[in-house]
């Protein structure tokens, strides 16, 4: 019998395994991962992201979204060692202090485990190895985080223009304050991706008491009363069972609620519809699905961008730039980011912008279109959406995809925030020095001006930021799935550690917070 079984070797699962192994080195750990190895060059080299995310993916699609004209779309989630940390854009964003203080405030008088900024920021510091000089930034952790040091001229102009438009310059949005504009921080070591598997799991695999299974799909968690006794899974077509004293589910915001429901944990009425016997009635499983709605803008530029428009000479230049460690599009095209307010009356930033010196566009059908001319892209997302969706079982077959029901604009305020955000983006691009480097706005285009026209554009072209959270919400109320110590309510030894436990969204990319969640639970559970 294993001391710990971790289901999912993704962002949180790898971090949890590392902390358990460091805190309780004599304990045995089994990590079960449905995906394959992460050794592909498309994973290691950041420029391979588009190939990686389309190759090592679960293949999930959402149900039609009537708030976006019935749109369905692919929900990219990493099915590979390292999970989505092996296929994401490597953006490293802790989240604002107020995000975690808001989580903590929802937990009432619970005294065992707290989630305020004062509690979680030391966890971030412990896991990271950052090049940022500020106090509170980690220097000796496993996860390498670097800041863009040699940005494209367009990225430099974007930062300067944002400052000219009234937004503060911020050299470290993961430091004391998030507000403002600065250069991106990336989970990379040198020129290569530093995934959760690279940082946390690989150092453990030489230990005799740590075992990793790949291509192993967990079908169900086994129970004896309140106690999780083990997991049933399929490995190379063969059904197997492993027993464990402590079971941790780290399968992500889509697959964690799916697995709990397949195991009989969820809304009894909905489980009954699928022929699944209820082991534990927790109606909140799968509810509270939250995503950052994201919409893009494309601008034709007067100078050469990272788009391949300069022939072989430009291509060789990019290769040399990467080989010499001076970044460029092979290292990462996401060079600058900003956290700003959608309107002056907002008490704190509610928008995140990404500046990309590559012109591309995502069509209404979700197709990725790289522009054939020098161009740049600004991505805008609503940091604190109020709309909520849910995950449901489609079929009692463990191999079947779940139903992803996400109405991004179910709450009309979410649409209004993005429309207001368009005005903020246009204020920045009208400011110098960026304005002088832009020839024209291609999408949405200068003809799209009225609030009604902007609403139509946003509805048609908004997608998700690939930041799903909240489907096994942490809390102390009856709809919560896990208590603040991340134990599944009503069980003795079953925990969840991944994005699904977030009660509210954080202001930015979610991967860093997932690492923190895994590390925090790992350290806590190893002491039990």
Foldseek 3Di string as FASTA:
>chain_A
DFAEEEEAQALQRLLLVQLLCVQFVVGFYEYEAQAEELPDPLQWFLLSLVVQQVPQFLFDKAFFFVLLVGAIDTQGWGRYRHICLSRDQQFDAQFFQVQQVVVQVQFPPDDDDGRGSVRQLLLQQAAECEPDDDPSHHNDHQFYKYWQDQDDPLLVWLQVLLVVLPWDDDDDCNPNHNTGKHWTIGRADQLTHCGSCNRGVPVCPVDPRYYYHYSKAWQEFDDDQQAGFWTWIAHPNDIDIDGHRFYEYAPAQFVVLVRCLLHQEEDCVQSVVQVRHHRYYQPLFFWFKDFWKKFKWKFFWPDAFLAPQPPPVSVVVQVVCSVVRNDGVRSGQFTMKHFAPLDPPDPGGQKMKTKGQFGWAQALNRDIGGDNHRMIMIMMIGQFQPFIWGWGAPHSGSSDGIHTGGNRCPPVVRLVSVLSVVVSVVSSCCGPPNVVGTDATDVVGPVQDDSVSSSSSSSRGIDTPSAIAANQEEYDDSNHQAHSLQAGPSHDRYGYQARHHSNTGGRDHCSSVSSSSSNVNSNVVSVD
